[in-house]
Amino acid sequence: MLKKFQDLLHEYKLEVFHNEHDKPSLEDITSECMHVTEDILEEKFRYHFHKLPDANRAEIINMINNYTREAVLPPVVEKLVLRQLVLEKRIEALVHLMEHTLETLSTSSEEVPAA
């Protein structure tokens, strides 16, 4: 029984490693990450002034907004999305491990006669 659990844990570790390091897996995650990042960045966010600002202040705010949306936000969103996708893959592997563990436990309890 212990050997079965060790094998299942090893299988889980391999699956996580392959998800994070194999070239096809990385390409899939990267392409999905870029697609989600583009979708997020295409959304238009608006802000409203409580009081109507003067022209100079509005221009400065628009410059800051444009710089943030074009230079700062894309790499930050990309990193967040990448981390989220990697964690989703790990959770899928963990669910797979739990399913196999429960199957192993259920089959082993059927094999052992009750006392």
Protein backbone atom coordinates (compact mmCIF):
# COMPACT_ATOMS: atom_id res chain seq x y z
CA MET A 1 0.00 0.00 0.00
CA LEU A 2 2.82 2.39 0.90
CA LYS A 3 4.46 1.66 -2.46
CA LYS A 4 1.21 2.59 -4.27
CA PHE A 5 1.06 5.93 -2.45
CA GLN A 6 4.70 6.63 -3.18
CA ASP A 7 4.09 5.88 -6.86
CA LEU A 8 1.05 8.17 -6.91
CA LEU A 9 2.99 10.98 -5.27
CA HIS A 10 5.86 10.51 -7.70
CA GLU A 11 3.39 10.58 -10.60
CA TYR A 12 1.95 13.85 -9.27
CA LYS A 13 5.40 15.42 -8.96
CA LEU A 14 6.25 14.34 -12.51
CA GLU A 15 3.01 15.77 -13.86
CA VAL A 16 3.62 19.12 -12.13
CA PHE A 17 7.23 19.20 -13.34
CA HIS A 18 6.21 18.44 -16.93
CA ASN A 19 3.46 21.07 -16.82
CA GLU A 20 5.95 23.71 -15.72
CA HIS A 21 9.05 22.71 -17.72
CA ASP A 22 8.17 20.80 -20.90
CA LYS A 23 8.46 22.86 -24.06
CA PRO A 24 4.97 22.04 -25.47
CA SER A 25 3.40 22.67 -22.09
CA LEU A 26 5.20 25.98 -21.71
CA GLU A 27 4.19 27.02 -25.22
CA ASP A 28 0.54 26.23 -24.45
CA ILE A 29 0.64 28.14 -21.18
CA THR A 30 2.43 31.09 -22.80
CA SER A 31 -0.03 31.33 -25.69
CA GLU A 32 -3.00 31.07 -23.32
CA CYS A 33 -1.38 33.67 -21.05
CA MET A 34 -0.88 36.10 -23.92
CA HIS A 35 -4.46 35.60 -25.10
CA VAL A 36 -5.91 36.25 -21.63
CA THR A 37 -3.58 39.22 -21.10
CA GLU A 38 -4.70 40.79 -24.39
CA ASP A 39 -8.34 40.30 -23.43
CA ILE A 40 -7.80 41.97 -20.07
CA LEU A 41 -5.88 44.90 -21.56
CA GLU A 42 -8.48 45.47 -24.28
CA GLU A 43 -11.13 46.19 -21.68
CA LYS A 44 -11.70 49.88 -21.34
CA PHE A 45 -11.60 51.31 -17.86
CA ARG A 46 -12.93 54.77 -17.30
CA TYR A 47 -12.54 57.16 -14.45
CA HIS A 48 -14.79 60.03 -13.57
CA PHE A 49 -13.79 63.30 -12.00
CA HIS A 50 -15.83 64.55 -9.09
CA LYS A 51 -15.05 68.08 -10.12
CA LEU A 52 -14.19 69.16 -13.63
CA PRO A 53 -10.37 69.52 -13.71
CA ASP A 54 -8.54 72.24 -15.54
CA ALA A 55 -6.98 71.38 -18.91
CA ASN A 56 -3.41 70.99 -17.62
CA ARG A 57 -4.42 68.61 -14.86
CA ALA A 58 -6.57 66.54 -17.24
CA GLU A 59 -3.66 66.30 -19.69
CA ILE A 60 -1.29 65.11 -16.96
CA ILE A 61 -3.80 62.54 -15.77
CA ASN A 62 -4.28 61.27 -19.33
CA MET A 63 -0.49 61.02 -19.81
CA ILE A 64 -0.18 59.01 -16.59
CA ASN A 65 -3.12 56.82 -17.61
CA ASN A 66 -1.67 56.15 -21.07
CA TYR A 67 1.80 55.38 -19.70
CA THR A 68 0.37 53.01 -17.11
CA ARG A 69 -1.80 51.17 -19.65
CA GLU A 70 0.95 50.88 -22.26
CA ALA A 71 4.15 50.42 -20.24
CA VAL A 72 3.46 49.31 -16.68
CA LEU A 73 0.27 47.28 -16.82
CA PRO A 74 1.03 44.69 -19.57
CA PRO A 75 3.98 42.94 -17.88
CA VAL A 76 2.25 43.00 -14.49
CA VAL A 77 -0.94 41.49 -15.89
CA GLU A 78 1.09 38.94 -17.87
CA LYS A 79 2.92 37.77 -14.73
CA LEU A 80 -0.33 37.51 -12.77
CA VAL A 81 -2.06 35.55 -15.52
CA LEU A 82 0.94 33.25 -15.95
CA ARG A 83 1.00 32.51 -12.22
CA GLN A 84 -2.73 31.85 -12.23
CA LEU A 85 -2.49 29.43 -15.17
CA VAL A 86 0.42 27.53 -13.59
CA LEU A 87 -1.52 27.23 -10.33
CA GLU A 88 -4.58 25.97 -12.23
CA LYS A 89 -2.43 23.25 -13.82
CA ARG A 90 -1.08 22.29 -10.38
CA ILE A 91 -4.60 22.09 -8.97
CA GLU A 92 -5.66 19.86 -11.87
CA ALA A 93 -2.71 17.58 -11.10
CA LEU A 94 -3.63 17.58 -7.42
CA VAL A 95 -7.23 16.64 -8.21
CA HIS A 96 -5.89 13.83 -10.38
CA LEU A 97 -3.70 12.66 -7.48
CA MET A 98 -6.62 12.73 -5.04
CA GLU A 99 -8.83 10.74 -7.42
CA HIS A 100 -6.18 8.05 -7.78
CA THR A 101 -5.53 8.03 -4.03
CA LEU A 102 -9.21 7.54 -3.26
CA GLU A 103 -9.47 4.81 -5.89
CA THR A 104 -6.47 3.08 -4.34
CA LEU A 105 -7.99 3.34 -0.87
CA SER A 106 -11.34 2.02 -2.04
CA THR A 107 -9.82 -0.95 -3.86
CA SER A 108 -7.52 -1.78 -0.94
CA SER A 109 -10.42 -1.75 1.54
CA GLU A 110 -12.34 -4.15 -0.69
CA GLU A 111 -9.38 -6.53 -0.79
CA VAL A 112 -8.95 -6.67 3.01
CA PRO A 113 -11.73 -8.70 4.66
CA ALA A 114 -13.43 -7.08 7.63
CA ALA A 115 -12.60 -8.63 11.02
